[in-house]
Amino acid sequence: MMSKLIIDAAKDNIFLMIITNNVIYNVTHENSKTNYDKLIILITDFLKKNNLNFNDIESIYINRGPGSFAGIRNALSTIKAIHVIKKIDYYCFSFDDFKGEIELKHENIPNLCDKFKTKKNLINPIYIS
């Protein structure tokens, strides 16, 4: 079974989650310039730690905000690069997109994106000034 990667760098921490075979792995990192600069390394290390690589990822879900300009910009740039190189589709979501939903947890994002028909490979960030 292919895995789903969720990335959220819009808030106080960089949050990464993998959903694979009904098992969920996650990790958080400080939301800092140093970590933005090495986001691809953080993602790669997280995948390796869980015995996965980019070939195991079928789709990526990334929080487009509202939130930190630097966090969102760097995360979107990283995901766009992964998409170009590895041809992995991505979905940009905002928790604000899911009006009326009670279970707004990261592990529910793939199902919510399906339910709300989030378009794939579309970037539309929401920055807080």
Protein backbone atom coordinates (compact mmCIF):
# COMPACT_ATOMS: atom_id res chain seq x y z
CA MET A 1 0.00 0.00 0.00
CA MET A 2 1.24 3.44 -0.86
CA SER A 3 1.69 6.03 1.85
CA LYS A 4 0.49 9.59 2.33
CA LEU A 5 2.75 12.37 3.63
CA ILE A 6 1.28 15.38 5.45
CA ILE A 7 3.36 18.52 5.96
CA ASP A 8 2.30 21.48 8.08
CA ALA A 9 4.79 24.34 8.51
CA ALA A 10 2.18 27.09 8.86
CA LYS A 11 2.17 27.30 12.66
CA ASP A 12 4.59 27.13 15.61
CA ASN A 13 6.17 23.81 14.58
CA ILE A 14 7.00 21.94 11.42
CA PHE A 15 4.74 18.90 11.62
CA LEU A 16 5.27 15.80 9.47
CA MET A 17 2.97 12.79 9.36
CA ILE A 18 3.01 9.56 7.35
CA ILE A 19 -0.09 7.43 6.99
CA THR A 20 0.77 3.94 5.74
CA ASN A 21 -1.05 0.63 6.08
CA ASN A 22 -3.39 2.19 8.66
CA VAL A 23 -0.37 3.11 10.81
CA ILE A 24 0.41 6.74 11.57
CA TYR A 25 3.87 8.16 12.26
CA ASN A 26 4.53 11.80 13.09
CA VAL A 27 7.27 14.13 14.21
CA THR A 28 7.57 17.83 14.96
CA HIS A 29 10.50 20.20 14.57
CA GLU A 30 11.06 23.77 15.68
CA ASN A 31 9.71 26.28 13.18
CA SER A 32 13.02 28.05 12.48
CA LYS A 33 14.99 29.37 9.51
CA THR A 34 17.54 26.57 9.96
CA ASN A 35 14.83 23.94 9.71
CA TYR A 36 13.18 25.65 6.73
CA ASP A 37 16.51 25.56 4.91
CA LYS A 38 16.82 21.83 5.52
CA LEU A 39 13.17 20.82 5.20
CA ILE A 40 13.94 18.26 2.49
CA ILE A 41 16.49 16.66 4.83
CA LEU A 42 13.96 16.56 7.68
CA ILE A 43 11.43 14.89 5.39
CA THR A 44 13.95 12.40 3.98
CA ASP A 45 15.21 11.48 7.47
CA PHE A 46 11.62 11.04 8.69
CA LEU A 47 10.87 8.70 5.79
CA LYS A 48 14.06 6.70 6.36
CA LYS A 49 13.35 6.39 10.09
CA ASN A 50 10.07 4.73 9.15
CA ASN A 51 11.63 2.49 6.46
CA LEU A 52 10.16 4.48 3.58
CA ASN A 53 11.41 6.63 0.73
CA PHE A 54 9.79 8.97 -1.78
CA ASN A 55 8.93 6.04 -4.06
CA ASP A 56 6.57 4.82 -1.32
CA ILE A 57 4.63 8.11 -1.22
CA GLU A 58 1.52 8.31 -3.40
CA SER A 59 0.45 11.81 -2.39
CA ILE A 60 1.51 14.75 -0.25
CA TYR A 61 -0.83 17.05 1.68
CA ILE A 62 0.50 20.45 2.63
CA ASN A 63 -1.04 23.15 4.79
CA ARG A 64 -1.26 26.35 2.72
CA GLY A 65 -2.18 28.50 5.72
CA PRO A 66 -3.10 30.81 7.14
CA GLY A 67 0.17 31.04 8.94
CA SER A 68 3.85 31.84 8.77
CA PHE A 69 4.94 33.29 5.42
CA ALA A 70 8.41 31.70 5.65
CA GLY A 71 7.10 28.31 6.77
CA ILE A 72 4.42 28.10 4.08
CA ARG A 73 6.68 29.45 1.31
CA ASN A 74 9.51 27.04 2.08
CA ALA A 75 7.21 24.05 2.48
CA LEU A 76 5.42 24.80 -0.81
CA SER A 77 8.74 25.27 -2.63
CA THR A 78 10.04 21.96 -1.28
CA ILE A 79 6.88 20.10 -2.25
CA LYS A 80 6.84 21.65 -5.71
CA ALA A 81 10.43 20.42 -6.22
CA ILE A 82 9.50 16.91 -5.04
CA HIS A 83 6.56 16.95 -7.45
CA VAL A 84 8.77 17.97 -10.38
CA ILE A 85 11.44 15.35 -9.62
CA LYS A 86 9.38 12.43 -8.31
CA LYS A 87 6.00 13.14 -9.97
CA ILE A 88 4.17 12.83 -6.64
CA ASP A 89 0.84 14.65 -6.62
CA TYR A 90 0.22 17.11 -3.81
CA TYR A 91 -2.84 18.74 -2.28
CA CYS A 92 -2.68 22.17 -0.64
CA PHE A 93 -5.24 22.44 2.13
CA SER A 94 -6.27 24.90 4.77
CA PHE A 95 -8.19 23.84 7.86
CA ASP A 96 -10.44 26.79 6.93
CA ASP A 97 -11.43 24.84 3.78
CA PHE A 98 -13.26 22.24 5.83
CA LYS A 99 -16.14 24.31 7.21
CA GLY A 100 -18.50 22.40 9.46
CA GLU A 101 -16.16 19.47 10.05
CA ILE A 102 -15.69 18.39 13.66
CA GLU A 103 -12.69 16.05 13.33
CA LEU A 104 -10.06 18.53 12.10
CA LYS A 105 -7.00 16.39 12.76
CA HIS A 106 -4.00 15.91 10.50
CA GLU A 107 -4.74 12.20 10.07
CA ASN A 108 -8.14 13.10 8.58
CA ILE A 109 -6.71 15.47 5.95
CA PRO A 110 -6.57 12.97 3.03
CA ASN A 111 -10.24 12.03 3.51
CA LEU A 112 -11.27 15.67 3.97
CA CYS A 113 -9.43 16.68 0.78
CA ASP A 114 -11.36 13.94 -1.07
CA LYS A 115 -14.65 14.96 0.52
CA PHE A 116 -14.17 18.66 -0.28
CA LYS A 117 -12.71 17.92 -3.74
CA THR A 118 -9.39 19.70 -3.13
CA LYS A 119 -7.65 20.15 -6.48
CA LYS A 120 -4.32 18.43 -6.88
CA ASN A 121 -1.10 20.26 -7.75
CA LEU A 122 -2.62 23.69 -7.12
CA ILE A 123 -0.80 26.20 -4.92
CA ASN A 124 -2.88 28.96 -3.34
CA PRO A 125 -1.15 30.07 -0.11
CA ILE A 126 -2.81 32.05 2.69
CA TYR A 127 -0.25 34.16 4.56
CA ILE A 128 -0.73 36.07 7.78
CA SER A 129 0.95 39.44 7.42
